[in-house]
Amino acid sequence: MTATGLAAVRAADRAAREGVAPPALDWSRRPPARRRWQPGETLPLASEPGLPLGALLWRSLAAEPPQPALARTRLRRVPSAGGLYPVEAHLVVGAGCDLPPGTYHYDPLAHAATRRAGARHPAAGALVVLTLVPQRTIWKYGLRSLPILLLDLGHAVGALAAAAQTLGLSTWATFDANGADLARLAALPSPDRWLATWPDTDPEYPLAAVWVTREAAPPPALDTVLDTAPCGAAAATGGTPPSARPCPRLTAGSSTMPAPVPAARKEVTERVGAGAEPVGDRVDVGGDLVYEALRTLARGGAGARWRRAGLGSPVTAEVLIRRRSARPPLAGPVRTAVLAEVLREGGAAGQPEVSCLATVAEPEARLVAEEGGALRTRGLGEARPTLAFWACEQGFLADAGAVVLFTAAPPPWRHPDAASAYRRTYLTAGYAGHLALLAAEMRGVRTRPVGCWQRADLGEALGLDSELIVHAVVLGGGGAAKP
C-alpha cells in the first residue's frame, strides 16, 4: 500500500529526514541524463541581437565539455545532488528574443533548443518552465529523493536569475503556480496524464517558472500574459476531453507535436526498491512514494505569485561559467565581512520561507546571523561535528571554514496549504542557497552545497522551538571583502 496525496508528501519527507538507506547503484539502469524529442527542429543557440536566450542558458544550465575523469557525467553550470541533473527547461518564447516565437525544449548537453510548438504569446520576453524528471535522482537516492529534487530545481532558478543579471535582464520567479497550468504553457501533458499521453517515457513535474524580460515592471498573471487555453493532448486532464482548438503545429504540414523519445521504462519500484521498510508507525512507504508526492505538489498552488529574482550585489559571467562544487576538504576560516555579505544575500533570497544562519569556528565557535552588515551571535559552541552527522554523515563539514544553514519551521501538515508550503520552502531554500554560494564565489571563497539532512532540528538542539535545517552551503577558506 502506498500513501497518497498529502500523506505521500509527509511520508516521503519523513523517509528522507529519518535515514532510509538509498538503493544499491546499478549503472546498467541509470536513466538517461538528457531528454530528446522527435520529430523536432533543433536550433543551435548563440548570443544574438535581441533578448539573448542562448547566452542566458549558456551561463546558467549548460553542460561543460566531457572530461576524461568524469566518464559517466558531464558537469553543468548549476549544481545537482550526485551530478544527476533532474531539471528540464522548456522555453515559451515571445517577441524580441534571439529565438523565433514558439515553445522549445532546451538540451544542455548540445546547447540547443528543439522547437516543440508554435508561438503561444505575443509579449516581449520568455517564460522558462522548469520541470523535474525524478527518476534520475531516485535511481541513486531512493526514498531520500524528494527534498533534494526540490533543492535542485531551486538552484536552477537561482542560476537563471544570476545569468539574467549578468546580461542586464529582469527576472521574476514563481514557486507556487499550479503544475497543470505550467504544463499547458509548455505544451506538456499534466503529470497525471503524462503516461496516458506519452507511454514509455518518464513523466515531468512542472513546479517553477522564471519570467525573463528587458522590462522593469513585474509580469501580470500568467493567464493574462500568455495564451493558457488548453490544446490537444495537453488539455486532457482529469478525464476532460481535449480542446477543439488544435495545438500549434511545428511546421507547415506537420500533423503531430514532437514527443519525448521513448525509453525502455523500468518500474519505479525497481529504482527505489520494492517493499521498503515503513517509516513511522502508520505510513507505509511504497516504491513510487516520491512520484505520488510530486504529483501532489504539482497539483498545489492556486496561482502564480511572482517574486523578483537575482542577487542584491554584482555577479559576473566569469564566475557563473567557472563555478564548481569544491572538493573536500573545505577548511580555513572565512573572513567576517565576506560571511556577512553571503548571509545577507542568502537571507534576503530566502524570506519569508527560510532563515539564514552560519556556524564558524574562529575566532570562537559560534552560530551567527547577519544584521545590518555585521555578524550577531545566536549561539555559542562547536556545532560542526553535529552538522557533519546530521548531513548524512558527511565528515568534511566538521572541519569546514563555515557552514551556511537554511532553516525553516516544520511543515504545517494539518493546514490546507501544507503541500504548497512544503514546495515553496524547499524551492526557496535551493534558490537562496544558489545566490549565497555565488556571493561567496564572487569573493574568492570555495563552496559546496549540501542537501541531505537527517534528524537535523537546530531549534531543538538550542532548546528553542523546532527549526529544521533544509539546506546548507559549505564555505572553505579566505575570501576578499567587496570593494
Protein backbone atom coordinates (compact mmCIF):
# COMPACT_ATOMS: atom_id res chain seq x y z
CA MET A 1 0.00 0.00 0.00
CA THR A 2 1.29 3.44 -0.93
CA ALA A 3 0.36 6.71 0.74
CA THR A 4 -1.43 9.25 -1.46
CA GLY A 5 -1.93 13.00 -1.50
CA LEU A 6 -0.52 14.99 1.40
CA ALA A 7 0.19 11.76 3.28
CA ALA A 8 2.63 10.84 0.50
CA VAL A 9 4.43 14.19 0.81
CA ARG A 10 4.68 13.76 4.56
CA ALA A 11 5.87 10.17 4.29
CA ALA A 12 8.45 10.99 1.61
CA ASP A 13 9.75 13.88 3.70
CA ARG A 14 9.97 11.66 6.78
CA ALA A 15 11.77 8.95 4.83
CA ALA A 16 14.34 11.48 3.62
CA ARG A 17 14.85 13.04 7.05
CA GLU A 18 14.93 9.86 9.14
CA GLY A 19 17.63 7.87 7.44
CA VAL A 20 16.09 5.42 4.96
CA ALA A 21 19.06 3.93 3.12
CA PRO A 22 19.40 4.60 -0.62
CA PRO A 23 19.30 1.66 -3.03
CA ALA A 24 22.41 -0.10 -4.30
CA LEU A 25 23.62 1.53 -7.50
CA ASP A 26 23.12 -0.37 -10.75
CA TRP A 27 24.81 1.57 -13.54
CA SER A 28 23.07 -0.50 -16.19
CA ARG A 29 19.77 1.01 -15.05
CA ARG A 30 20.83 4.64 -14.79
CA PRO A 31 18.23 6.84 -16.55
CA PRO A 32 19.40 8.99 -19.48
CA ALA A 33 20.89 12.34 -18.47
CA ARG A 34 19.02 14.22 -21.19
CA ARG A 35 15.63 14.22 -22.87
CA ARG A 36 15.29 14.08 -26.66
CA TRP A 37 12.20 14.89 -28.74
CA GLN A 38 11.02 13.57 -32.09
CA PRO A 39 10.22 14.85 -34.59
CA GLY A 40 11.59 18.29 -33.92
CA GLU A 41 13.57 21.12 -35.44
CA THR A 42 16.70 21.58 -33.32
CA LEU A 43 18.24 25.04 -33.35
CA PRO A 44 21.75 25.75 -32.04
CA LEU A 45 21.81 28.56 -29.52
CA ALA A 46 24.12 31.54 -29.53
CA SER A 47 24.02 35.10 -28.27
CA GLU A 48 22.48 37.27 -31.00
CA PRO A 49 20.69 40.63 -31.09
CA GLY A 50 17.50 40.63 -29.09
CA LEU A 51 16.86 39.07 -25.70
CA PRO A 52 19.83 36.65 -25.58
CA LEU A 53 18.34 33.32 -24.53
CA GLY A 54 21.40 31.50 -25.85
CA ALA A 55 23.74 33.40 -23.53
CA LEU A 56 21.25 33.12 -20.65
CA LEU A 57 21.16 29.33 -20.88
CA TRP A 58 24.89 29.01 -21.56
CA ARG A 59 25.68 30.85 -18.32
CA SER A 60 23.10 29.01 -16.21
CA LEU A 61 22.14 25.46 -17.25
CA ALA A 62 24.59 24.38 -19.98
CA ALA A 63 26.86 21.35 -19.64
CA GLU A 64 30.62 21.52 -19.81
CA PRO A 65 32.65 19.61 -22.40
CA PRO A 66 33.27 15.95 -21.48
CA GLN A 67 36.10 15.33 -19.01
CA PRO A 68 38.08 12.05 -19.03
CA ALA A 69 37.99 11.87 -15.23
CA LEU A 70 34.17 12.02 -15.27
CA ALA A 71 33.30 9.40 -17.85
CA ARG A 72 29.69 8.99 -16.70
CA THR A 73 28.77 12.63 -16.05
CA ARG A 74 29.06 15.98 -17.79
CA LEU A 75 29.06 18.68 -15.15
CA ARG A 76 26.86 21.72 -15.64
CA ARG A 77 26.84 25.35 -14.55
CA VAL A 78 24.26 24.59 -11.87
CA PRO A 79 24.95 22.13 -9.02
CA SER A 80 22.92 18.95 -8.63
CA ALA A 81 22.98 16.26 -5.95
CA GLY A 82 25.14 13.39 -7.20
CA GLY A 83 25.60 15.07 -10.59
CA LEU A 84 22.22 13.63 -11.68
CA TYR A 85 20.56 16.81 -13.07
CA PRO A 86 16.82 16.02 -12.89
CA VAL A 87 15.77 19.53 -14.02
CA GLU A 88 14.47 20.14 -17.56
CA ALA A 89 13.86 23.59 -19.07
CA HIS A 90 11.06 24.42 -21.52
CA LEU A 91 11.12 27.84 -23.18
CA VAL A 92 7.93 29.71 -24.03
CA VAL A 93 9.39 32.42 -26.26
CA GLY A 94 7.65 35.64 -27.21
CA ALA A 95 8.73 38.60 -29.29
CA GLY A 96 12.12 40.28 -29.17
CA CYS A 97 14.26 37.20 -28.45
CA ASP A 98 17.12 35.53 -30.31
CA LEU A 99 14.85 32.53 -30.95
CA PRO A 100 11.71 32.84 -33.09
CA PRO A 101 8.49 32.87 -31.05
CA GLY A 102 7.46 29.35 -30.09
CA THR A 103 7.75 26.65 -27.44
CA TYR A 104 11.09 24.87 -27.11
CA HIS A 105 12.89 22.25 -25.04
CA TYR A 106 16.45 23.08 -24.02
CA ASP A 107 19.15 20.42 -24.41
CA PRO A 108 22.01 21.41 -22.05
CA LEU A 109 24.43 18.83 -23.46
CA ALA A 110 24.12 20.12 -27.03
CA HIS A 111 23.31 23.72 -26.02
CA ALA A 112 20.45 23.66 -28.49
CA ALA A 113 16.69 24.14 -28.45
CA THR A 114 14.16 21.79 -30.04
CA ARG A 115 11.06 23.57 -31.27
CA ARG A 116 8.02 21.72 -29.97
CA ALA A 117 5.11 24.07 -30.69
CA GLY A 118 4.32 27.35 -32.38
CA ALA A 119 4.03 30.79 -30.82
CA ARG A 120 1.86 30.91 -27.71
CA HIS A 121 2.07 34.56 -26.64
CA PRO A 122 2.91 37.93 -28.20
CA ALA A 123 4.58 39.53 -25.15
CA ALA A 124 8.22 40.61 -25.31
CA GLY A 125 10.21 38.15 -23.25
CA ALA A 126 10.35 34.46 -22.43
CA LEU A 127 8.99 32.15 -19.78
CA VAL A 128 11.25 29.29 -18.67
CA VAL A 129 9.13 26.45 -17.26
CA LEU A 130 11.26 24.18 -15.07
CA THR A 131 10.26 20.56 -14.58
CA LEU A 132 11.65 17.56 -12.71
CA VAL A 133 12.39 14.11 -14.14
CA PRO A 134 12.63 12.41 -10.73
CA GLN A 135 13.76 9.01 -11.96
CA ARG A 136 17.30 10.36 -12.47
CA THR A 137 17.62 11.15 -8.77
CA ILE A 138 15.57 8.24 -7.42
CA TRP A 139 17.94 5.85 -9.19
CA LYS A 140 20.69 6.84 -6.74
CA TYR A 141 18.98 8.25 -3.67
CA GLY A 142 15.74 6.27 -3.50
CA LEU A 143 13.42 7.44 -0.74
CA ARG A 144 15.79 10.26 0.20
CA SER A 145 14.98 11.97 -3.10
CA LEU A 146 12.07 14.35 -2.53
CA PRO A 147 13.86 17.23 -0.74
CA ILE A 148 16.96 17.11 -2.93
CA LEU A 149 14.86 17.12 -6.11
CA LEU A 150 13.19 20.34 -4.98
CA LEU A 151 16.52 21.85 -3.93
CA ASP A 152 18.00 21.07 -7.35
CA LEU A 153 15.13 22.88 -9.03
CA GLY A 154 15.57 25.88 -6.71
CA HIS A 155 19.26 26.04 -7.66
CA ALA A 156 18.24 26.13 -11.34
CA VAL A 157 16.01 29.14 -10.66
CA GLY A 158 18.92 30.89 -8.94
CA ALA A 159 21.24 30.08 -11.83
CA LEU A 160 18.83 31.56 -14.38
CA ALA A 161 18.28 34.69 -12.29
CA ALA A 162 22.01 35.28 -11.84
CA ALA A 163 22.72 34.71 -15.55
CA ALA A 164 19.99 37.17 -16.48
CA GLN A 165 21.56 39.71 -14.13
CA THR A 166 24.88 39.50 -16.00
CA LEU A 167 23.00 40.25 -19.24
CA GLY A 168 21.11 43.25 -17.89
CA LEU A 169 17.77 41.38 -17.95
CA SER A 170 14.99 41.36 -15.38
CA THR A 171 13.69 38.11 -13.90
CA TRP A 172 10.76 37.07 -11.75
CA ALA A 173 10.19 33.58 -10.39
CA THR A 174 7.15 31.70 -9.17
CA PHE A 175 7.29 28.65 -6.90
CA ASP A 176 3.57 28.13 -6.40
CA ALA A 177 1.92 28.16 -9.82
CA ASN A 178 -0.37 25.22 -10.47
CA GLY A 179 1.58 22.44 -12.17
CA ALA A 180 -1.16 21.75 -14.71
CA ASP A 181 -1.13 25.43 -15.73
CA LEU A 182 2.64 25.36 -16.18
CA ALA A 183 2.32 22.16 -18.21
CA ARG A 184 -0.21 23.76 -20.55
CA LEU A 185 2.04 26.77 -21.01
CA ALA A 186 4.91 24.50 -22.02
CA ALA A 187 2.67 22.35 -24.28
CA LEU A 188 3.10 19.34 -21.98
CA PRO A 189 0.50 16.98 -20.54
CA SER A 190 -0.12 17.36 -16.84
CA PRO A 191 1.77 14.88 -14.60
CA ASP A 192 -1.49 13.00 -14.01
CA ARG A 193 -1.94 12.46 -17.76
CA TRP A 194 1.67 12.13 -18.89
CA LEU A 195 1.86 8.34 -19.31
CA ALA A 196 -1.56 8.22 -20.94
CA THR A 197 -0.30 10.75 -23.49
CA TRP A 198 3.28 9.55 -23.95
CA PRO A 199 3.63 5.92 -22.79
CA ASP A 200 7.08 4.53 -22.04
CA THR A 201 8.54 7.94 -21.17
CA ASP A 202 9.39 9.29 -17.74
CA PRO A 203 6.91 11.94 -16.52
CA GLU A 204 7.95 15.52 -15.90
CA TYR A 205 6.64 17.56 -12.96
CA PRO A 206 6.42 21.35 -13.58
CA LEU A 207 6.99 23.11 -10.26
CA ALA A 208 8.56 26.51 -11.03
CA ALA A 209 8.86 29.12 -13.75
CA VAL A 210 11.10 32.12 -14.45
CA TRP A 211 9.96 35.11 -16.48
CA VAL A 212 12.80 36.86 -18.35
CA THR A 213 12.40 40.26 -19.98
CA ARG A 214 14.04 43.61 -20.53
CA GLU A 215 11.10 45.35 -18.87
CA ALA A 216 11.37 46.65 -15.31
CA ALA A 217 7.73 46.08 -14.36
CA PRO A 218 6.70 42.70 -12.90
CA PRO A 219 4.69 40.36 -15.12
CA PRO A 220 0.92 40.21 -14.71
CA ALA A 221 -0.88 36.95 -14.01
CA LEU A 222 0.14 34.05 -16.24
CA ASP A 223 -3.30 33.66 -17.78
CA THR A 224 -3.23 37.27 -18.96
CA VAL A 225 0.37 37.31 -20.21
CA LEU A 226 0.26 34.01 -22.05
CA ASP A 227 -2.24 32.05 -24.06
CA THR A 228 -3.05 29.36 -21.50
CA ALA A 229 -6.06 27.91 -23.28
CA PRO A 230 -5.54 24.13 -23.36
CA CYS A 231 -4.97 22.43 -26.66
CA GLY A 232 -4.70 18.87 -27.92
CA ALA A 233 -3.32 16.19 -25.62
CA ALA A 234 -2.04 18.78 -23.14
CA ALA A 235 -5.66 19.61 -22.29
CA ALA A 236 -6.60 16.05 -21.37
CA THR A 237 -6.55 16.34 -17.59
CA GLY A 238 -8.87 14.63 -15.17
CA GLY A 239 -10.85 12.99 -17.94
CA THR A 240 -11.60 16.29 -19.70
CA PRO A 241 -11.70 15.82 -23.49
CA PRO A 242 -9.10 17.75 -25.49
CA SER A 243 -10.00 21.22 -26.68
CA ALA A 244 -11.41 21.61 -30.15
CA ARG A 245 -8.62 24.11 -30.81
CA PRO A 246 -5.64 22.16 -32.18
CA CYS A 247 -2.21 22.67 -30.70
CA PRO A 248 0.13 24.87 -32.75
CA ARG A 249 1.85 22.75 -35.36
CA LEU A 250 5.59 22.50 -35.52
CA THR A 251 5.92 23.21 -39.24
CA ALA A 252 3.57 23.51 -42.15
CA GLY A 253 2.15 20.12 -42.96
CA SER A 254 3.11 18.55 -39.63
CA SER A 255 0.23 16.64 -38.06
CA THR A 256 1.67 15.95 -34.62
CA MET A 257 3.63 17.78 -31.97
CA PRO A 258 7.03 16.37 -31.01
CA ALA A 259 7.02 13.79 -28.23
CA PRO A 260 9.80 12.56 -25.94
CA VAL A 261 11.88 9.75 -27.36
CA PRO A 262 10.62 6.58 -25.61
CA ALA A 263 12.97 4.57 -23.44
CA ALA A 264 12.74 1.09 -22.04
CA ARG A 265 10.77 2.15 -18.97
CA LYS A 266 11.59 0.38 -15.72
CA GLU A 267 9.13 0.27 -12.89
CA VAL A 268 9.63 2.86 -10.20
CA THR A 269 9.77 0.11 -7.60
CA GLU A 270 12.89 -1.23 -9.32
CA ARG A 271 14.54 2.17 -8.89
CA VAL A 272 13.51 2.76 -5.31
CA GLY A 273 13.38 -0.79 -4.02
CA ALA A 274 10.14 -2.66 -3.62
CA GLY A 275 8.99 -3.48 -0.12
CA ALA A 276 10.85 -0.65 1.59
CA GLU A 277 10.58 -0.65 5.35
CA PRO A 278 7.76 1.52 6.73
CA VAL A 279 8.80 4.87 8.17
CA GLY A 280 6.98 5.88 11.32
CA ASP A 281 4.25 3.88 12.94
CA ARG A 282 1.43 4.21 10.44
CA VAL A 283 2.59 5.30 6.99
CA ASP A 284 3.64 2.58 4.55
CA VAL A 285 6.41 3.76 2.24
CA GLY A 286 5.87 2.14 -1.17
CA GLY A 287 8.21 2.16 -4.14
CA ASP A 288 6.53 5.03 -6.01
CA LEU A 289 6.09 7.25 -2.96
CA VAL A 290 8.29 10.04 -4.32
CA TYR A 291 6.27 10.13 -7.56
CA GLU A 292 2.99 10.38 -5.67
CA ALA A 293 4.42 13.16 -3.50
CA LEU A 294 5.48 15.12 -6.60
CA ARG A 295 2.06 14.66 -8.19
CA THR A 296 0.55 16.15 -5.05
CA LEU A 297 2.98 19.07 -5.01
CA ALA A 298 2.31 19.78 -8.70
CA ARG A 299 -1.43 19.95 -8.07
CA GLY A 300 -0.94 22.61 -5.41
CA GLY A 301 -0.93 26.32 -5.98
CA ALA A 302 -3.93 28.46 -6.74
CA GLY A 303 -1.99 30.91 -8.87
CA ALA A 304 1.45 32.26 -9.69
CA ARG A 305 2.82 34.71 -7.14
CA TRP A 306 5.85 36.39 -8.65
CA ARG A 307 8.99 37.36 -6.76
CA ARG A 308 11.80 39.47 -8.14
CA ALA A 309 14.78 37.18 -8.62
CA GLY A 310 18.51 37.88 -8.53
CA LEU A 311 21.35 38.95 -6.29
CA GLY A 312 21.49 42.25 -4.46
CA SER A 313 25.16 42.66 -5.42
CA PRO A 314 27.01 42.30 -8.74
CA VAL A 315 27.89 38.94 -10.23
CA THR A 316 29.97 38.26 -13.34
CA ALA A 317 29.59 35.82 -16.20
CA GLU A 318 33.10 34.54 -15.49
CA VAL A 319 32.07 33.40 -12.00
CA LEU A 320 28.95 31.67 -13.35
CA ILE A 321 30.86 29.77 -16.00
CA ARG A 322 33.75 28.66 -13.79
CA ARG A 323 31.59 27.74 -10.76
CA ARG A 324 32.22 24.22 -9.44
CA SER A 325 31.26 22.46 -6.26
CA ALA A 326 34.61 22.34 -4.47
CA ARG A 327 36.02 19.00 -3.45
CA PRO A 328 36.54 18.49 0.30
CA PRO A 329 38.27 19.45 2.47
CA LEU A 330 36.93 22.99 2.72
CA ALA A 331 38.98 24.10 5.69
CA GLY A 332 40.22 27.56 6.60
CA PRO A 333 38.37 30.50 8.15
CA VAL A 334 36.14 32.76 6.07
CA ARG A 335 36.61 36.47 6.58
CA THR A 336 33.93 38.09 8.70
CA ALA A 337 32.99 40.74 6.13
CA VAL A 338 32.66 38.11 3.40
CA LEU A 339 30.50 35.83 5.54
CA ALA A 340 28.23 38.76 6.43
CA GLU A 341 27.67 39.51 2.74
CA VAL A 342 26.97 35.85 1.95
CA LEU A 343 24.42 35.67 4.78
CA ARG A 344 22.81 38.89 3.62
CA GLU A 345 22.31 37.52 0.10
CA GLY A 346 21.03 34.16 1.35
CA GLY A 347 18.76 35.74 3.93
CA ALA A 348 17.20 38.21 1.51
CA ALA A 349 16.55 35.48 -1.08
CA GLY A 350 15.10 33.09 1.49
CA GLN A 351 12.49 35.31 3.09
CA PRO A 352 9.84 34.66 4.19
CA GLU A 353 10.09 30.88 3.83
CA VAL A 354 13.57 30.17 5.20
CA SER A 355 16.07 31.79 7.57
CA CYS A 356 19.83 32.00 7.02
CA LEU A 357 22.49 31.40 9.71
CA ALA A 358 26.08 30.15 9.79
CA THR A 359 28.40 28.24 12.07
CA VAL A 360 32.01 29.36 12.40
CA ALA A 361 35.00 28.19 14.46
CA GLU A 362 37.16 31.32 14.51
CA PRO A 363 37.76 33.50 16.42
CA GLU A 364 35.41 31.37 18.54
CA ALA A 365 32.96 28.57 17.81
CA ARG A 366 29.51 30.10 17.46
CA LEU A 367 26.29 30.34 15.46
CA VAL A 368 25.85 33.72 13.76
CA ALA A 369 23.32 35.70 11.74
CA GLU A 370 23.73 38.88 9.70
CA GLU A 371 22.22 42.12 10.98
CA GLY A 372 22.98 45.49 9.47
CA GLY A 373 26.09 44.25 7.69
CA ALA A 374 27.61 42.69 10.83
CA LEU A 375 27.57 39.21 12.38
CA ARG A 376 25.46 38.76 15.50
CA THR A 377 25.90 35.75 17.79
CA ARG A 378 22.90 33.43 18.05
CA GLY A 379 24.56 30.62 19.99
CA LEU A 380 27.92 29.54 21.39
CA GLY A 381 29.74 26.25 20.99
CA GLU A 382 31.17 23.96 18.32
CA ALA A 383 28.36 22.74 16.06
CA ARG A 384 30.25 21.47 13.01
CA PRO A 385 30.73 17.83 14.15
CA THR A 386 26.99 17.61 14.86
CA LEU A 387 26.23 19.14 11.47
CA ALA A 388 28.51 16.57 9.82
CA PHE A 389 26.47 13.78 11.42
CA TRP A 390 23.13 15.36 10.51
CA ALA A 391 24.31 15.89 6.90
CA CYS A 392 24.08 12.16 6.17
CA GLU A 393 27.46 11.68 7.88
CA GLN A 394 29.48 13.87 5.51
CA GLY A 395 32.51 14.25 7.73
CA PHE A 396 34.14 17.15 5.90
CA LEU A 397 31.64 19.57 7.49
CA ALA A 398 33.40 19.05 10.83
CA ASP A 399 36.47 20.96 9.56
CA ALA A 400 34.76 23.46 7.25
CA GLY A 401 35.61 27.14 7.37
CA ALA A 402 31.91 27.97 7.74
CA VAL A 403 28.59 26.28 7.12
CA VAL A 404 25.74 28.50 5.90
CA LEU A 405 22.44 26.98 7.05
CA PHE A 406 18.95 27.48 5.66
CA THR A 407 16.29 26.60 8.22
CA ALA A 408 12.51 26.52 8.34
CA ALA A 409 9.76 25.66 10.78
CA PRO A 410 8.31 22.14 10.39
CA PRO A 411 5.67 21.92 7.64
CA PRO A 412 2.13 22.74 8.82
CA TRP A 413 0.83 19.28 7.95
CA ARG A 414 -2.70 19.94 9.23
CA HIS A 415 -3.07 23.17 7.24
CA PRO A 416 -4.88 23.11 3.86
CA ASP A 417 -1.86 24.84 2.29
CA ALA A 418 0.64 22.30 3.68
CA ALA A 419 1.72 20.83 0.32
CA SER A 420 2.21 24.26 -1.24
CA ALA A 421 4.12 25.46 1.83
CA TYR A 422 6.42 22.43 1.67
CA ARG A 423 7.09 23.01 -2.03
CA ARG A 424 7.81 26.72 -1.53
CA THR A 425 10.14 26.04 1.40
CA TYR A 426 12.46 23.67 -0.44
CA LEU A 427 12.39 25.52 -3.76
CA THR A 428 13.17 28.76 -1.92
CA ALA A 429 15.98 27.11 0.06
CA GLY A 430 17.62 25.86 -3.15
CA TYR A 431 17.22 29.28 -4.79
CA ALA A 432 18.60 31.14 -1.76
CA GLY A 433 21.43 28.63 -1.42
CA HIS A 434 22.46 29.25 -5.01
CA LEU A 435 22.59 33.02 -4.60
CA ALA A 436 24.55 32.61 -1.36
CA LEU A 437 27.15 30.36 -2.97
CA LEU A 438 27.52 32.77 -5.90
CA ALA A 439 28.04 35.64 -3.46
CA ALA A 440 30.81 33.57 -1.85
CA GLU A 441 32.37 32.61 -5.19
CA MET A 442 32.41 36.28 -6.22
CA ARG A 443 34.61 36.91 -3.18
CA GLY A 444 37.05 34.07 -3.77
CA VAL A 445 35.54 31.53 -1.36
CA ARG A 446 35.17 27.88 -2.36
CA THR A 447 31.68 26.42 -1.92
CA ARG A 448 29.82 23.14 -1.84
CA PRO A 449 26.03 22.81 -1.35
CA VAL A 450 24.73 20.05 0.93
CA GLY A 451 21.12 18.91 0.55
CA CYS A 452 20.94 15.70 2.61
CA TRP A 453 19.84 16.42 6.20
CA GLN A 454 18.52 13.83 8.63
CA ARG A 455 17.08 14.46 12.10
CA ALA A 456 18.54 17.96 11.79
CA ASP A 457 16.48 20.09 14.19
CA LEU A 458 18.62 23.11 15.01
CA GLY A 459 15.95 24.75 17.14
CA GLU A 460 15.55 21.70 19.34
CA ALA A 461 19.34 21.45 19.77
CA LEU A 462 19.37 25.05 21.01
CA GLY A 463 16.46 24.48 23.39
CA LEU A 464 14.10 26.54 21.22
CA ASP A 465 11.09 25.84 19.02
CA SER A 466 11.64 23.30 16.27
CA GLU A 467 13.62 24.75 13.34
CA LEU A 468 14.70 22.23 10.70
CA ILE A 469 17.82 22.50 8.57
CA VAL A 470 16.62 22.11 4.98
CA HIS A 471 19.74 23.10 3.04
CA ALA A 472 23.31 24.32 3.52
CA VAL A 473 26.28 25.73 1.66
CA VAL A 474 29.72 24.82 3.00
CA LEU A 475 32.38 27.53 2.66
CA GLY A 476 36.10 26.99 2.67
CA GLY A 477 38.86 29.44 3.25
CA GLY A 478 39.58 33.11 2.84
CA GLY A 479 37.69 35.45 0.58
CA ALA A 480 38.11 39.12 -0.21
CA ALA A 481 35.65 41.71 1.02
CA LYS A 482 33.68 43.52 -1.66
CA PRO A 483 35.46 46.75 -2.66
